[in-house]
Amino acid sequence: MSGISRRRMLELSGAGLAAAMLGAGEAQAQAVYSQIYDAKRKTWIDYDPKRAMQYYKAYGSVPEEFKRQTVSFRTAEKPGTIIIDGDRHFLYLVRPEFQAIRYGIGVGRDGFGWAGIVKVGRMVEWPTWTPPAEMIARDPRNAQWANGMPGGPENPLGARAMYLYEGGKDTIYRIHGTAEPWSIGLNISSGCIRLNNDDVTDLYARVAVGTKVIVLMSGAALYRGV
């Protein structure tokens, strides 16, 4: 490409990369994007969330693959079922006539991925976030929210949350929004499924308590009430 070389891109600071991309125009931004995002593998090259964030801030959009869209989708599951493909970072809401609405998602990072069949047990708009004890132990800064962080734009659960239950009990996992849209397409969470706030709001309006959720992820632990 005629603009920024890959070596130069890697040398640029976050602000420098963003500025270079902003001044380059759409074609140049897409050229840089092709160097930091592997469309075939559907993941960020070198697995660097910082560059993903830089791309999002500069170009103002998640990759095309992760934008909400209706796709052909053959399954024996009933319309209204949610099927999550953690490996490809997609959530499918099954629709009639072998179609589905596909949403881009962020999923659990290494060691936090899981698979299983659960249900939506509770739904909340602008939910309060209360970090579990394990999360506080991993990052003591979360202790300030031990009694709950009020809902709002900076809340990690975003605009909507669907709490996943198994056997009538809360699994501690959620499908929720995020204040970090650049994280869509990454293995980055503590096991929850995250969507852009616009997408989670759209999904929330289409499902109900009791919705079946199938989570698929190769190599992930099968959920057994952990």
Foldseek 3Di string as FASTA:
>chain_A
DPAADLVRCVVDDLVRNLVSLLVPDDVVLVVVVVSQAPVVQLAGPVQDLSVLLSSCVNVVDEPPVQDKDKDAADDPDDQQAWEAEQSNQWIWRHDPPRMTTIHFKAFAAPPQEEWEKWFQADKDFLDWDADDPVVCVVPVVSVVQNVTDGGDLQHQQAGMWGFTGDPNHTLVEIEGEGNRQSNGSYNDDNGHIYGHNVVVVVSSVRHDGGHMYGYDDPPHHYDDSD
